[in-house]
C-alpha cells in the first residue's frame, strides 16, 4: 500500500500541459470530441506525414522536421490516447478506430496525397492505412514498425503490465516514474541520447487527462493478427531499422523485407528502437534518397545494412 500511495499520480489538466508542450505552430482540430493536437511545418509541394509510437508524441520527430522542412511539408499529430490529444471518449482504441481517425484527420486538413512514415505502433498504423488507401499513400516508410506478433515476456515491463487487465486498472492512477524511465531507456541503444527532459515529457504526457486509461485500452485492443496482409502492400516501401531494438526484434525487419515485394531495407548497426532520434541526420538522408530515387525512376535498390 505504501508503494501504491507513493506512486499515485493525479491526471494533469490539458491546459496545464499546453503551456509546456505546444509548439509555436501547434494547432487543434476536433475529431469525434477529441481536441487533436498537430503541427504542419515547411512549405514543400509534397507532404510527409509522420506517425509516432506507443507512449510517444509528435515530439519524437523534432529532429526530422528540422532536417526535412526545407524540402517537404511535414504533418505530424499526437495520436489518440497520447500526447496532448488525449483518449477517444468512446473508449475505443482498436485498429478500425485509428483508421477512421486518420481518414477523418486527413480529410479535415485537406490532404489526399502524401508520403507516410511511422515508427513502432505508428508504423503499424501506416502500413494498415496504406493497404486501405493505396491511392493516397505515395510512399511508405517503416521505422522499427510493429506488425508481427511479439513475445510478451520480451516487452518492457511497462508494456507487459499495460496489456494485463488485472494490473492495468492500477496503472490508470499508479504510475511509477521508474517504469517510464526504464521503458524510455529500452527504446534507445545509446543511453547518452536520453535526457531528463525526455523522460519528463514521456511521463507528464502520459499523465494527461485520460491518457493512461486510453493507452491501456490501446494495448489491450490492438491485435497483431492481420500480419498476413503485409504481403498485399503494393506501395513503394522503405524499411529503416535499428539492429539493437529491445522492443521489436530485428528479425521482424527481415520479415517485412521478405513480405513486401520490392521494399528497400536499411539496417542500422548499434541503433535502437528510434532511428529518427538516435541518428536523425543519417535516417533523414536515407529517407530523402529513397524519395528522390523513386521520384526519378521506377527501379528498386535493396540495401541490407548500414553503419
C-alpha atoms as a PDB file:
ATOM      1  CA  UNK A   1       0.000   0.000   0.000  1.00  0.00           C
ATOM      2  CA  UNK A   2       2.874   2.379   0.753  1.00  0.00           C
ATOM      3  CA  UNK A   3       4.314   1.679  -2.727  1.00  0.00           C
ATOM      4  CA  UNK A   4       0.942   2.341  -4.372  1.00  0.00           C
ATOM      5  CA  UNK A   5       0.477   5.535  -2.427  1.00  0.00           C
ATOM      6  CA  UNK A   6       3.972   6.793  -3.189  1.00  0.00           C
ATOM      7  CA  UNK A   7       3.489   6.234  -6.936  1.00  0.00           C
ATOM      8  CA  UNK A   8      -0.055   7.578  -7.157  1.00  0.00           C
ATOM      9  CA  UNK A   9      -0.317  10.464  -9.588  1.00  0.00           C
ATOM     10  CA  UNK A  10      -3.365  12.512 -10.463  1.00  0.00           C
ATOM     11  CA  UNK A  11      -4.149  13.389 -14.063  1.00  0.00           C
ATOM     12  CA  UNK A  12      -2.652  16.609 -15.375  1.00  0.00           C
ATOM     13  CA  UNK A  13      -5.099  19.021 -16.994  1.00  0.00           C
ATOM     14  CA  UNK A  14      -4.705  19.632 -20.717  1.00  0.00           C
ATOM     15  CA  UNK A  15      -4.449  23.385 -20.266  1.00  0.00           C
ATOM     16  CA  UNK A  16      -1.512  22.939 -17.910  1.00  0.00           C
ATOM     17  CA  UNK A  17       0.350  20.725 -20.381  1.00  0.00           C
ATOM     18  CA  UNK A  18      -0.332  23.003 -23.343  1.00  0.00           C
ATOM     19  CA  UNK A  19       1.903  25.690 -21.904  1.00  0.00           C
ATOM     20  CA  UNK A  20       4.840  23.292 -21.792  1.00  0.00           C
ATOM     21  CA  UNK A  21       4.412  21.029 -24.807  1.00  0.00           C
ATOM     22  CA  UNK A  22       2.765  23.079 -27.542  1.00  0.00           C
ATOM     23  CA  UNK A  23       4.889  24.330 -30.434  1.00  0.00           C
ATOM     24  CA  UNK A  24       4.648  27.830 -31.800  1.00  0.00           C
ATOM     25  CA  UNK A  25       2.776  26.390 -34.794  1.00  0.00           C
ATOM     26  CA  UNK A  26       0.668  23.889 -32.838  1.00  0.00           C
ATOM     27  CA  UNK A  27      -2.943  23.578 -33.930  1.00  0.00           C
ATOM     28  CA  UNK A  28      -6.017  21.763 -32.631  1.00  0.00           C
ATOM     29  CA  UNK A  29      -8.970  20.386 -34.541  1.00  0.00           C
ATOM     30  CA  UNK A  30     -11.889  18.463 -33.064  1.00  0.00           C
ATOM     31  CA  UNK A  31     -12.435  14.910 -34.258  1.00  0.00           C
ATOM     32  CA  UNK A  32     -15.035  12.745 -32.506  1.00  0.00           C
ATOM     33  CA  UNK A  33     -14.966  15.057 -29.478  1.00  0.00           C
ATOM     34  CA  UNK A  34     -11.156  14.870 -29.265  1.00  0.00           C
ATOM     35  CA  UNK A  35      -9.024  18.044 -29.425  1.00  0.00           C
ATOM     36  CA  UNK A  36      -6.420  16.664 -31.828  1.00  0.00           C
ATOM     37  CA  UNK A  37      -3.005  18.296 -31.473  1.00  0.00           C
ATOM     38  CA  UNK A  38      -0.990  18.564 -34.692  1.00  0.00           C
ATOM     39  CA  UNK A  39       1.730  20.589 -36.382  1.00  0.00           C
ATOM     40  CA  UNK A  40       2.409  21.477 -40.001  1.00  0.00           C
ATOM     41  CA  UNK A  41       5.928  22.628 -40.882  1.00  0.00           C
ATOM     42  CA  UNK A  42       7.584  23.500 -44.175  1.00  0.00           C
ATOM     43  CA  UNK A  43       6.334  24.774 -47.492  1.00  0.00           C
ATOM     44  CA  UNK A  44       7.251  21.958 -49.882  1.00  0.00           C
ATOM     45  CA  UNK A  45       4.992  20.873 -52.717  1.00  0.00           C
ATOM     46  CA  UNK A  46       4.940  17.302 -51.394  1.00  0.00           C
ATOM     47  CA  UNK A  47       3.802  16.235 -47.928  1.00  0.00           C
ATOM     48  CA  UNK A  48       5.272  13.720 -45.490  1.00  0.00           C
ATOM     49  CA  UNK A  49       3.032  12.528 -42.652  1.00  0.00           C
ATOM     50  CA  UNK A  50       4.790  11.211 -39.527  1.00  0.00           C
ATOM     51  CA  UNK A  51       3.119   8.831 -37.027  1.00  0.00           C
ATOM     52  CA  UNK A  52       4.671   8.233 -33.595  1.00  0.00           C
ATOM     53  CA  UNK A  53       4.703   5.073 -31.486  1.00  0.00           C
ATOM     54  CA  UNK A  54       3.085   3.888 -28.268  1.00  0.00           C
ATOM     55  CA  UNK A  55       3.534   6.243 -25.313  1.00  0.00           C
ATOM     56  CA  UNK A  56       5.176   8.828 -27.533  1.00  0.00           C
ATOM     57  CA  UNK A  57       4.041  12.071 -29.165  1.00  0.00           C
ATOM     58  CA  UNK A  58       4.733  14.256 -32.171  1.00  0.00           C
ATOM     59  CA  UNK A  59       7.882  15.479 -30.366  1.00  0.00           C
ATOM     60  CA  UNK A  60       9.716  12.283 -31.349  1.00  0.00           C
ATOM     61  CA  UNK A  61      10.006  13.662 -34.902  1.00  0.00           C
ATOM     62  CA  UNK A  62      11.518  17.031 -33.949  1.00  0.00           C
ATOM     63  CA  UNK A  63      14.954  16.407 -35.491  1.00  0.00           C
ATOM     64  CA  UNK A  64      13.468  15.026 -38.710  1.00  0.00           C
ATOM     65  CA  UNK A  65      11.193  18.044 -39.057  1.00  0.00           C
ATOM     66  CA  UNK A  66      14.160  20.419 -38.854  1.00  0.00           C
ATOM     67  CA  UNK A  67      16.065  18.375 -41.450  1.00  0.00           C
ATOM     68  CA  UNK A  68      13.170  17.885 -43.902  1.00  0.00           C
ATOM     69  CA  UNK A  69      11.019  21.017 -43.736  1.00  0.00           C
ATOM     70  CA  UNK A  70      13.063  22.928 -46.315  1.00  0.00           C
ATOM     71  CA  UNK A  71      12.115  20.371 -48.949  1.00  0.00           C
ATOM     72  CA  UNK A  72       8.773  18.963 -47.791  1.00  0.00           C
ATOM     73  CA  UNK A  73       5.624  19.942 -45.964  1.00  0.00           C
ATOM     74  CA  UNK A  74       5.655  17.928 -42.738  1.00  0.00           C
ATOM     75  CA  UNK A  75       2.467  16.900 -40.937  1.00  0.00           C
ATOM     76  CA  UNK A  76       2.572  15.215 -37.530  1.00  0.00           C
ATOM     77  CA  UNK A  77      -0.006  14.743 -34.810  1.00  0.00           C
ATOM     78  CA  UNK A  78      -0.459  13.329 -31.330  1.00  0.00           C
ATOM     79  CA  UNK A  79      -2.402  10.130 -31.940  1.00  0.00           C
ATOM     80  CA  UNK A  80      -5.475   9.436 -29.770  1.00  0.00           C
ATOM     81  CA  UNK A  81      -4.568   8.269 -26.230  1.00  0.00           C
ATOM     82  CA  UNK A  82      -1.213  10.053 -26.438  1.00  0.00           C
ATOM     83  CA  UNK A  83       0.331  13.495 -26.168  1.00  0.00           C
ATOM     84  CA  UNK A  84      -1.995  16.473 -25.902  1.00  0.00           C
ATOM     85  CA  UNK A  85      -4.743  14.847 -27.973  1.00  0.00           C
ATOM     86  CA  UNK A  86      -5.968  12.536 -25.249  1.00  0.00           C
ATOM     87  CA  UNK A  87      -8.157   9.430 -25.456  1.00  0.00           C
ATOM     88  CA  UNK A  88     -11.184   8.559 -27.538  1.00  0.00           C
ATOM     89  CA  UNK A  89     -14.211   9.398 -25.346  1.00  0.00           C
ATOM     90  CA  UNK A  90     -15.905   6.276 -26.704  1.00  0.00           C
ATOM     91  CA  UNK A  91     -13.213   4.099 -25.052  1.00  0.00           C
ATOM     92  CA  UNK A  92     -12.327   2.504 -28.366  1.00  0.00           C
ATOM     93  CA  UNK A  93      -8.685   2.280 -29.420  1.00  0.00           C
ATOM     94  CA  UNK A  94      -8.616  -0.598 -31.885  1.00  0.00           C
ATOM     95  CA  UNK A  95      -7.322  -0.618 -35.458  1.00  0.00           C
ATOM     96  CA  UNK A  96     -10.683   0.244 -37.016  1.00  0.00           C
ATOM     97  CA  UNK A  97     -10.947   3.318 -34.800  1.00  0.00           C
ATOM     98  CA  UNK A  98      -7.438   4.524 -35.665  1.00  0.00           C
ATOM     99  CA  UNK A  99      -8.047   4.015 -39.398  1.00  0.00           C
ATOM    100  CA  UNK A 100     -11.244   6.068 -39.208  1.00  0.00           C
ATOM    101  CA  UNK A 101      -9.437   8.690 -37.160  1.00  0.00           C
ATOM    102  CA  UNK A 102      -6.680   9.057 -39.778  1.00  0.00           C
ATOM    103  CA  UNK A 103      -9.204   9.189 -42.624  1.00  0.00           C
ATOM    104  CA  UNK A 104     -11.102  11.958 -40.835  1.00  0.00           C
ATOM    105  CA  UNK A 105      -7.953  13.872 -39.924  1.00  0.00           C
ATOM    106  CA  UNK A 106      -6.591  13.856 -43.475  1.00  0.00           C
ATOM    107  CA  UNK A 107      -9.982  14.899 -44.833  1.00  0.00           C
ATOM    108  CA  UNK A 108     -10.264  17.773 -42.349  1.00  0.00           C
ATOM    109  CA  UNK A 109      -6.874  19.234 -43.230  1.00  0.00           C
ATOM    110  CA  UNK A 110      -7.435  18.689 -46.954  1.00  0.00           C
ATOM    111  CA  UNK A 111      -4.744  16.083 -47.548  1.00  0.00           C
ATOM    112  CA  UNK A 112      -5.321  13.482 -50.250  1.00  0.00           C
ATOM    113  CA  UNK A 113      -1.802  12.501 -51.400  1.00  0.00           C
ATOM    114  CA  UNK A 114       1.267  12.139 -49.209  1.00  0.00           C
ATOM    115  CA  UNK A 115       4.240  10.054 -48.161  1.00  0.00           C
ATOM    116  CA  UNK A 116       3.526   8.204 -44.924  1.00  0.00           C
ATOM    117  CA  UNK A 117       6.142   7.269 -42.292  1.00  0.00           C
ATOM    118  CA  UNK A 118       5.589   5.597 -38.947  1.00  0.00           C
ATOM    119  CA  UNK A 119       7.666   4.360 -36.052  1.00  0.00           C
ATOM    120  CA  UNK A 120       6.657   1.319 -33.965  1.00  0.00           C
ATOM    121  CA  UNK A 121       2.860   1.491 -33.450  1.00  0.00           C
ATOM    122  CA  UNK A 122       2.844   4.411 -35.875  1.00  0.00           C
ATOM    123  CA  UNK A 123       4.385   2.090 -38.460  1.00  0.00           C
ATOM    124  CA  UNK A 124       1.620  -0.437 -37.780  1.00  0.00           C
ATOM    125  CA  UNK A 125      -0.983   2.232 -38.455  1.00  0.00           C
ATOM    126  CA  UNK A 126       0.939   3.435 -41.514  1.00  0.00           C
ATOM    127  CA  UNK A 127       1.094   0.114 -43.341  1.00  0.00           C
ATOM    128  CA  UNK A 128      -2.516  -0.692 -42.490  1.00  0.00           C
ATOM    129  CA  UNK A 129      -3.596   2.712 -43.814  1.00  0.00           C
ATOM    130  CA  UNK A 130      -1.560   2.223 -46.988  1.00  0.00           C
ATOM    131  CA  UNK A 131      -3.339  -1.070 -47.582  1.00  0.00           C
ATOM    132  CA  UNK A 132      -6.739   0.601 -47.316  1.00  0.00           C
ATOM    133  CA  UNK A 133      -5.774   3.769 -49.223  1.00  0.00           C
ATOM    134  CA  UNK A 134      -3.135   2.913 -51.828  1.00  0.00           C
ATOM    135  CA  UNK A 135      -4.182   5.881 -53.958  1.00  0.00           C
ATOM    136  CA  UNK A 136      -3.407   8.331 -51.144  1.00  0.00           C
ATOM    137  CA  UNK A 137      -0.104   6.959 -49.855  1.00  0.00           C
ATOM    138  CA  UNK A 138       2.593   7.545 -52.467  1.00  0.00           C
ATOM    139  CA  UNK A 139       5.471   6.071 -50.459  1.00  0.00           C
ATOM    140  CA  UNK A 140       5.551   4.148 -47.187  1.00  0.00           C
ATOM    141  CA  UNK A 141       8.389   4.339 -44.650  1.00  0.00           C
ATOM    142  CA  UNK A 142       8.502   1.914 -41.709  1.00  0.00           C
ATOM    143  CA  UNK A 143      10.877   2.608 -38.811  1.00  0.00           C
ATOM    144  CA  UNK A 144      11.093  -0.320 -36.390  1.00  0.00           C
ATOM    145  CA  UNK A 145       7.447  -0.959 -37.127  1.00  0.00           C
ATOM    146  CA  UNK A 146       5.157  -3.333 -35.312  1.00  0.00           C
ATOM    147  CA  UNK A 147       3.158  -5.770 -37.385  1.00  0.00           C
ATOM    148  CA  UNK A 148       4.046  -9.298 -36.383  1.00  0.00           C
ATOM    149  CA  UNK A 149       3.129 -10.937 -33.051  1.00  0.00           C
ATOM    150  CA  UNK A 150       5.558 -10.208 -30.216  1.00  0.00           C
ATOM    151  CA  UNK A 151       6.525 -12.416 -27.311  1.00  0.00           C
ATOM    152  CA  UNK A 152       5.024 -10.645 -24.262  1.00  0.00           C
ATOM    153  CA  UNK A 153       7.865 -11.714 -21.975  1.00  0.00           C
ATOM    154  CA  UNK A 154      10.349  -9.778 -24.123  1.00  0.00           C
ATOM    155  CA  UNK A 155       8.452  -6.481 -23.940  1.00  0.00           C
ATOM    156  CA  UNK A 156       9.449  -3.732 -21.483  1.00  0.00           C
ATOM    157  CA  UNK A 157       7.791  -4.128 -18.085  1.00  0.00           C
ATOM    158  CA  UNK A 158       5.504  -1.138 -18.570  1.00  0.00           C
ATOM    159  CA  UNK A 159       4.093  -2.612 -21.788  1.00  0.00           C
ATOM    160  CA  UNK A 160       3.540  -6.015 -20.199  1.00  0.00           C
ATOM    161  CA  UNK A 161       1.683  -4.524 -17.252  1.00  0.00           C
ATOM    162  CA  UNK A 162      -0.476  -2.398 -19.564  1.00  0.00           C
ATOM    163  CA  UNK A 163      -1.572  -5.463 -21.516  1.00  0.00           C
ATOM    164  CA  UNK A 164      -2.636  -7.222 -18.333  1.00  0.00           C
ATOM    165  CA  UNK A 165      -6.248  -6.310 -17.495  1.00  0.00           C
ATOM    166  CA  UNK A 166      -5.693  -7.033 -13.814  1.00  0.00           C
ATOM    167  CA  UNK A 167      -2.728  -4.682 -13.416  1.00  0.00           C
ATOM    168  CA  UNK A 168      -3.761  -2.059 -15.953  1.00  0.00           C
ATOM    169  CA  UNK A 169      -6.563  -0.749 -13.738  1.00  0.00           C
ATOM    170  CA  UNK A 170      -3.938   0.232 -11.162  1.00  0.00           C
ATOM    171  CA  UNK A 171      -1.747   1.853 -13.803  1.00  0.00           C
ATOM    172  CA  UNK A 172      -4.540   4.302 -14.573  1.00  0.00           C
ATOM    173  CA  UNK A 173      -3.620   6.058 -11.319  1.00  0.00           C
ATOM    174  CA  UNK A 174      -0.470   4.372 -10.027  1.00  0.00           C
ATOM    175  CA  UNK A 175       2.350   5.250 -12.424  1.00  0.00           C
ATOM    176  CA  UNK A 176       5.878   4.655 -11.134  1.00  0.00           C
ATOM    177  CA  UNK A 177       8.197   7.087 -12.904  1.00  0.00           C
ATOM    178  CA  UNK A 178      10.919   4.448 -12.606  1.00  0.00           C
ATOM    179  CA  UNK A 179       8.995   2.202 -15.031  1.00  0.00           C
ATOM    180  CA  UNK A 180       8.627   5.054 -17.508  1.00  0.00           C
ATOM    181  CA  UNK A 181      12.349   5.738 -17.218  1.00  0.00           C
ATOM    182  CA  UNK A 182      13.241   2.092 -17.864  1.00  0.00           C
ATOM    183  CA  UNK A 183      10.876   1.943 -20.832  1.00  0.00           C
ATOM    184  CA  UNK A 184      12.386   5.084 -22.380  1.00  0.00           C
ATOM    185  CA  UNK A 185      15.928   3.765 -21.890  1.00  0.00           C
ATOM    186  CA  UNK A 186      14.872   0.463 -23.503  1.00  0.00           C
ATOM    187  CA  UNK A 187      13.957   2.370 -26.668  1.00  0.00           C
ATOM    188  CA  UNK A 188      17.482   3.747 -27.072  1.00  0.00           C
ATOM    189  CA  UNK A 189      20.708   1.866 -27.645  1.00  0.00           C
ATOM    190  CA  UNK A 190      22.810   4.932 -26.834  1.00  0.00           C
ATOM    191  CA  UNK A 191      21.874   5.931 -23.280  1.00  0.00           C
ATOM    192  CA  UNK A 192      23.588   9.283 -23.720  1.00  0.00           C
ATOM    193  CA  UNK A 193      20.753  10.299 -26.052  1.00  0.00           C
ATOM    194  CA  UNK A 194      18.243  10.043 -23.176  1.00  0.00           C
ATOM    195  CA  UNK A 195      17.840  13.338 -21.318  1.00  0.00           C
ATOM    196  CA  UNK A 196      15.911  14.077 -18.157  1.00  0.00           C
ATOM    197  CA  UNK A 197      13.765  16.377 -20.282  1.00  0.00           C
ATOM    198  CA  UNK A 198      12.822  13.416 -22.499  1.00  0.00           C
ATOM    199  CA  UNK A 199      11.881  11.241 -19.517  1.00  0.00           C
ATOM    200  CA  UNK A 200       9.833  14.072 -18.006  1.00  0.00           C
ATOM    201  CA  UNK A 201       7.997  14.610 -21.282  1.00  0.00           C
ATOM    202  CA  UNK A 202       7.023  10.951 -21.644  1.00  0.00           C
ATOM    203  CA  UNK A 203       5.914  10.858 -18.010  1.00  0.00           C
ATOM    204  CA  UNK A 204       3.951  14.096 -17.963  1.00  0.00           C
ATOM    205  CA  UNK A 205       2.167  13.499 -21.260  1.00  0.00           C
ATOM    206  CA  UNK A 206       1.192  10.046 -20.043  1.00  0.00           C
ATOM    207  CA  UNK A 207      -0.497  11.809 -17.113  1.00  0.00           C
ATOM    208  CA  UNK A 208      -2.562  13.986 -19.460  1.00  0.00           C
ATOM    209  CA  UNK A 209      -6.232  13.583 -18.534  1.00  0.00           C
ATOM    210  CA  UNK A 210      -7.413  10.164 -19.746  1.00  0.00           C
ATOM    211  CA  UNK A 211      -4.194   9.103 -21.487  1.00  0.00           C
ATOM    212  CA  UNK A 212      -3.363   6.302 -19.075  1.00  0.00           C
ATOM    213  CA  UNK A 213      -6.760   4.687 -19.478  1.00  0.00           C
ATOM    214  CA  UNK A 214      -6.660   5.188 -23.244  1.00  0.00           C
ATOM    215  CA  UNK A 215      -3.203   3.677 -23.536  1.00  0.00           C
ATOM    216  CA  UNK A 216      -4.257   0.608 -21.524  1.00  0.00           C
ATOM    217  CA  UNK A 217      -7.228   0.184 -23.848  1.00  0.00           C
ATOM    218  CA  UNK A 218      -5.000   0.535 -26.903  1.00  0.00           C
ATOM    219  CA  UNK A 219      -2.543  -2.050 -25.555  1.00  0.00           C
ATOM    220  CA  UNK A 220      -5.400  -4.498 -24.976  1.00  0.00           C
ATOM    221  CA  UNK A 221      -7.497  -3.782 -28.074  1.00  0.00           C
ATOM    222  CA  UNK A 222      -4.823  -3.665 -30.765  1.00  0.00           C
ATOM    223  CA  UNK A 223      -4.176  -7.139 -32.167  1.00  0.00           C
ATOM    224  CA  UNK A 224      -1.378  -8.229 -34.477  1.00  0.00           C
ATOM    225  CA  UNK A 225      -3.426 -10.951 -36.119  1.00  0.00           C
ATOM    226  CA  UNK A 226      -3.534  -9.434 -39.612  1.00  0.00           C
ATOM    227  CA  UNK A 227       0.179  -9.690 -40.405  1.00  0.00           C
ATOM    228  CA  UNK A 228      -0.611 -11.970 -43.346  1.00  0.00           C
ATOM    229  CA  UNK A 229      -1.888  -8.843 -45.113  1.00  0.00           C
ATOM    230  CA  UNK A 230       1.586  -7.291 -45.153  1.00  0.00           C
ATOM    231  CA  UNK A 231       2.260  -9.304 -48.306  1.00  0.00           C
ATOM    232  CA  UNK A 232      -0.526  -7.338 -50.011  1.00  0.00           C
ATOM    233  CA  UNK A 233       1.273  -3.991 -49.679  1.00  0.00           C
ATOM    234  CA  UNK A 234       1.925  -2.536 -53.139  1.00  0.00           C
ATOM    235  CA  UNK A 235       3.028   0.941 -52.081  1.00  0.00           C
ATOM    236  CA  UNK A 236       6.760   1.600 -52.643  1.00  0.00           C
ATOM    237  CA  UNK A 237       8.254   0.961 -49.209  1.00  0.00           C
ATOM    238  CA  UNK A 238      11.421   1.795 -47.292  1.00  0.00           C
ATOM    239  CA  UNK A 239      12.253  -0.153 -44.126  1.00  0.00           C
ATOM    240  CA  UNK A 240      14.591   1.581 -41.648  1.00  0.00           C
ATOM    241  CA  UNK A 241      15.552  -0.431 -38.588  1.00  0.00           C
ATOM    242  CA  UNK A 242      17.793  -0.158 -35.548  1.00  0.00           C
ATOM    243  CA  UNK A 243      19.514  -3.504 -35.131  1.00  0.00           C
ATOM    244  CA  UNK A 244      19.657  -3.238 -31.309  1.00  0.00           C
ATOM    245  CA  UNK A 245      15.916  -2.709 -30.876  1.00  0.00           C
ATOM    246  CA  UNK A 246      14.968  -4.089 -27.445  1.00  0.00           C
ATOM    247  CA  UNK A 247      11.225  -3.752 -28.135  1.00  0.00           C
ATOM    248  CA  UNK A 248      10.700  -5.166 -31.637  1.00  0.00           C
ATOM    249  CA  UNK A 249      13.428  -7.643 -32.649  1.00  0.00           C
ATOM    250  CA  UNK A 250      15.394  -7.109 -35.826  1.00  0.00           C
ATOM    251  CA  UNK A 251      14.084 -10.408 -37.203  1.00  0.00           C
ATOM    252  CA  UNK A 252      10.838  -8.559 -37.858  1.00  0.00           C
ATOM    253  CA  UNK A 253      12.679  -6.171 -40.174  1.00  0.00           C
ATOM    254  CA  UNK A 254      13.805  -9.078 -42.330  1.00  0.00           C
ATOM    255  CA  UNK A 255      10.263 -10.439 -42.326  1.00  0.00           C
ATOM    256  CA  UNK A 256       8.893  -7.098 -43.529  1.00  0.00           C
ATOM    257  CA  UNK A 257      11.535  -7.055 -46.249  1.00  0.00           C
ATOM    258  CA  UNK A 258      10.594 -10.563 -47.294  1.00  0.00           C
ATOM    259  CA  UNK A 259       6.855  -9.917 -47.302  1.00  0.00           C
ATOM    260  CA  UNK A 260       6.783  -6.502 -49.026  1.00  0.00           C
ATOM    261  CA  UNK A 261       7.782  -7.077 -52.602  1.00  0.00           C
ATOM    262  CA  UNK A 262      10.441  -4.633 -53.822  1.00  0.00           C
ATOM    263  CA  UNK A 263      10.914  -2.918 -50.469  1.00  0.00           C
ATOM    264  CA  UNK A 264      14.191  -1.155 -49.782  1.00  0.00           C
ATOM    265  CA  UNK A 265      15.786  -2.062 -46.482  1.00  0.00           C
ATOM    266  CA  UNK A 266      18.425  -0.408 -44.304  1.00  0.00           C
ATOM    267  CA  UNK A 267      19.586  -1.932 -41.029  1.00  0.00           C
ATOM    268  CA  UNK A 268      21.437   0.415 -38.680  1.00  0.00           C
ATOM    269  CA  UNK A 269      24.079  -1.246 -36.524  1.00  0.00           C
ATOM    270  CA  UNK A 270      24.201  -0.291 -32.827  1.00  0.00           C
ATOM    271  CA  UNK A 271      20.948   1.697 -33.025  1.00  0.00           C
ATOM    272  CA  UNK A 272      17.796   1.037 -31.017  1.00  0.00           C
ATOM    273  CA  UNK A 273      14.053   1.489 -31.491  1.00  0.00           C
ATOM    274  CA  UNK A 274      14.131   5.162 -32.537  1.00  0.00           C
ATOM    275  CA  UNK A 275      16.446   5.740 -35.530  1.00  0.00           C
ATOM    276  CA  UNK A 276      14.903   9.167 -36.176  1.00  0.00           C
ATOM    277  CA  UNK A 277      16.077  10.265 -32.719  1.00  0.00           C
ATOM    278  CA  UNK A 278      19.387   8.390 -32.358  1.00  0.00           C
ATOM    279  CA  UNK A 279      20.681   9.098 -35.864  1.00  0.00           C
ATOM    280  CA  UNK A 280      18.386  11.791 -37.284  1.00  0.00           C
ATOM    281  CA  UNK A 281      20.772  13.064 -39.968  1.00  0.00           C
ATOM    282  CA  UNK A 282      21.575   9.627 -41.352  1.00  0.00           C
ATOM    283  CA  UNK A 283      17.997   8.323 -41.249  1.00  0.00           C
ATOM    284  CA  UNK A 284      16.576  11.540 -42.752  1.00  0.00           C
ATOM    285  CA  UNK A 285      19.136  11.371 -45.563  1.00  0.00           C
ATOM    286  CA  UNK A 286      18.141   7.771 -46.279  1.00  0.00           C
ATOM    287  CA  UNK A 287      14.515   8.877 -46.461  1.00  0.00           C
ATOM    288  CA  UNK A 288      15.381  11.687 -48.870  1.00  0.00           C
ATOM    289  CA  UNK A 289      17.485   9.375 -51.037  1.00  0.00           C
ATOM    290  CA  UNK A 290      14.582   6.929 -51.192  1.00  0.00           C
ATOM    291  CA  UNK A 291      12.044   9.572 -52.183  1.00  0.00           C
ATOM    292  CA  UNK A 292      14.365  11.172 -54.746  1.00  0.00           C
ATOM    293  CA  UNK A 293      15.223   7.775 -56.180  1.00  0.00           C
ATOM    294  CA  UNK A 294      11.567   6.824 -56.507  1.00  0.00           C
ATOM    295  CA  UNK A 295      10.674  10.168 -57.993  1.00  0.00           C
ATOM    296  CA  UNK A 296      13.251   9.734 -60.758  1.00  0.00           C
ATOM    297  CA  UNK A 297      12.798   6.137 -61.845  1.00  0.00           C
ATOM    298  CA  UNK A 298      10.883   3.006 -61.010  1.00  0.00           C
ATOM    299  CA  UNK A 299      13.768   0.765 -60.055  1.00  0.00           C
ATOM    300  CA  UNK A 300      14.315  -0.955 -56.743  1.00  0.00           C
ATOM    301  CA  UNK A 301      17.573  -0.663 -54.852  1.00  0.00           C
ATOM    302  CA  UNK A 302      17.970  -3.018 -51.914  1.00  0.00           C
ATOM    303  CA  UNK A 303      20.380  -2.022 -49.131  1.00  0.00           C
ATOM    304  CA  UNK A 304      20.664  -4.590 -46.393  1.00  0.00           C
ATOM    305  CA  UNK A 305      22.937  -2.958 -43.823  1.00  0.00           C
ATOM    306  CA  UNK A 306      24.291   0.464 -42.956  1.00  0.00           C
ATOM    307  CA  UNK A 307      26.655   1.690 -40.269  1.00  0.00           C
END
